[in-house]
């Protein structure tokens, strides 16, 4: 809205995943499902490897717990 980026629009990944994908601070992660692909900002968090969390709905599927592929 008004050309400003929403600071709360991000996903959380653990440090191991960030390193494995060679993501850079301030960059985006690509989240892909069977239907859609979205780019999102990310933050490092203490969560289990292989998972991502988001406080906002990610437009990749219509329900929680969907399997997605993440990449750089």
Protein backbone atom coordinates (compact mmCIF):
# COMPACT_ATOMS: atom_id res chain seq x y z
CA UNK A 1 0.00 0.00 0.00
CA UNK A 2 1.24 3.48 -0.90
CA UNK A 3 4.36 1.94 -2.48
CA UNK A 4 5.75 0.82 0.90
CA UNK A 5 6.82 -2.74 1.54
CA UNK A 6 5.01 -4.52 4.36
CA UNK A 7 7.71 -5.30 6.96
CA UNK A 8 5.52 -8.10 8.37
CA UNK A 9 5.33 -10.01 5.08
CA UNK A 10 8.06 -12.63 5.61
CA UNK A 11 8.59 -16.31 6.22
CA UNK A 12 10.77 -17.89 8.89
CA UNK A 13 13.44 -20.46 8.03
CA UNK A 14 16.15 -22.04 10.17
CA UNK A 15 19.82 -21.17 9.67
CA UNK A 16 20.66 -24.57 8.16
CA UNK A 17 18.04 -24.09 5.41
CA UNK A 18 19.24 -20.54 4.71
CA UNK A 19 22.82 -21.79 4.33
CA UNK A 20 21.80 -24.80 2.23
CA UNK A 21 19.91 -22.52 -0.19
CA UNK A 22 22.72 -19.94 -0.08
CA UNK A 23 20.23 -17.18 0.70
CA UNK A 24 21.60 -13.73 1.42
CA UNK A 25 20.45 -11.31 4.10
CA UNK A 26 17.83 -8.94 2.71
CA UNK A 27 17.06 -11.31 -0.17
CA UNK A 28 14.05 -13.44 -0.99
CA UNK A 29 13.22 -17.12 -0.93
CA UNK A 30 11.18 -18.69 -3.73
CA UNK A 31 8.26 -20.81 -2.48
CA UNK A 32 6.72 -23.13 -5.04
CA UNK A 33 3.72 -25.43 -4.86
CA UNK A 34 1.95 -27.33 -7.63
CA UNK A 35 -0.18 -24.29 -8.40
CA UNK A 36 1.85 -21.12 -7.72
CA UNK A 37 5.27 -19.66 -7.06
CA UNK A 38 5.87 -16.66 -4.79
CA UNK A 39 8.95 -14.76 -3.68
CA UNK A 40 9.04 -13.78 -0.01
CA UNK A 41 11.41 -12.05 2.38
CA UNK A 42 12.76 -14.36 5.06
CA UNK A 43 14.08 -14.25 8.59
CA UNK A 44 16.19 -16.80 10.42
CA UNK A 45 14.34 -18.46 13.25
CA UNK A 46 14.82 -21.42 15.57
CA UNK A 47 12.46 -23.86 13.83
CA UNK A 48 12.88 -27.44 12.65
CA UNK A 49 14.85 -28.03 9.47
CA UNK A 50 12.72 -28.40 6.35
CA UNK A 51 9.87 -26.19 7.54
CA UNK A 52 8.90 -22.59 6.96
CA UNK A 53 6.53 -20.48 8.99
CA UNK A 54 4.53 -17.42 8.04
CA UNK A 55 2.15 -15.32 10.06
CA UNK A 56 0.43 -14.35 6.82
CA UNK A 57 -1.27 -16.53 4.25
CA UNK A 58 1.07 -17.43 1.41
CA UNK A 59 -0.84 -17.72 -1.89
CA UNK A 60 0.46 -21.17 -2.79
CA UNK A 61 -2.46 -23.35 -1.66
CA UNK A 62 -5.75 -23.05 0.13
CA UNK A 63 -4.96 -24.85 3.38
CA UNK A 64 -2.28 -25.01 6.09
CA UNK A 65 0.35 -27.70 6.08
CA UNK A 66 0.80 -27.92 2.33
CA UNK A 67 4.09 -29.29 1.00
CA UNK A 68 6.12 -26.76 -0.98
CA UNK A 69 9.55 -26.53 -2.54
CA UNK A 70 11.82 -23.64 -1.53
CA UNK A 71 14.79 -22.32 -3.46
CA UNK A 72 16.93 -19.29 -4.02
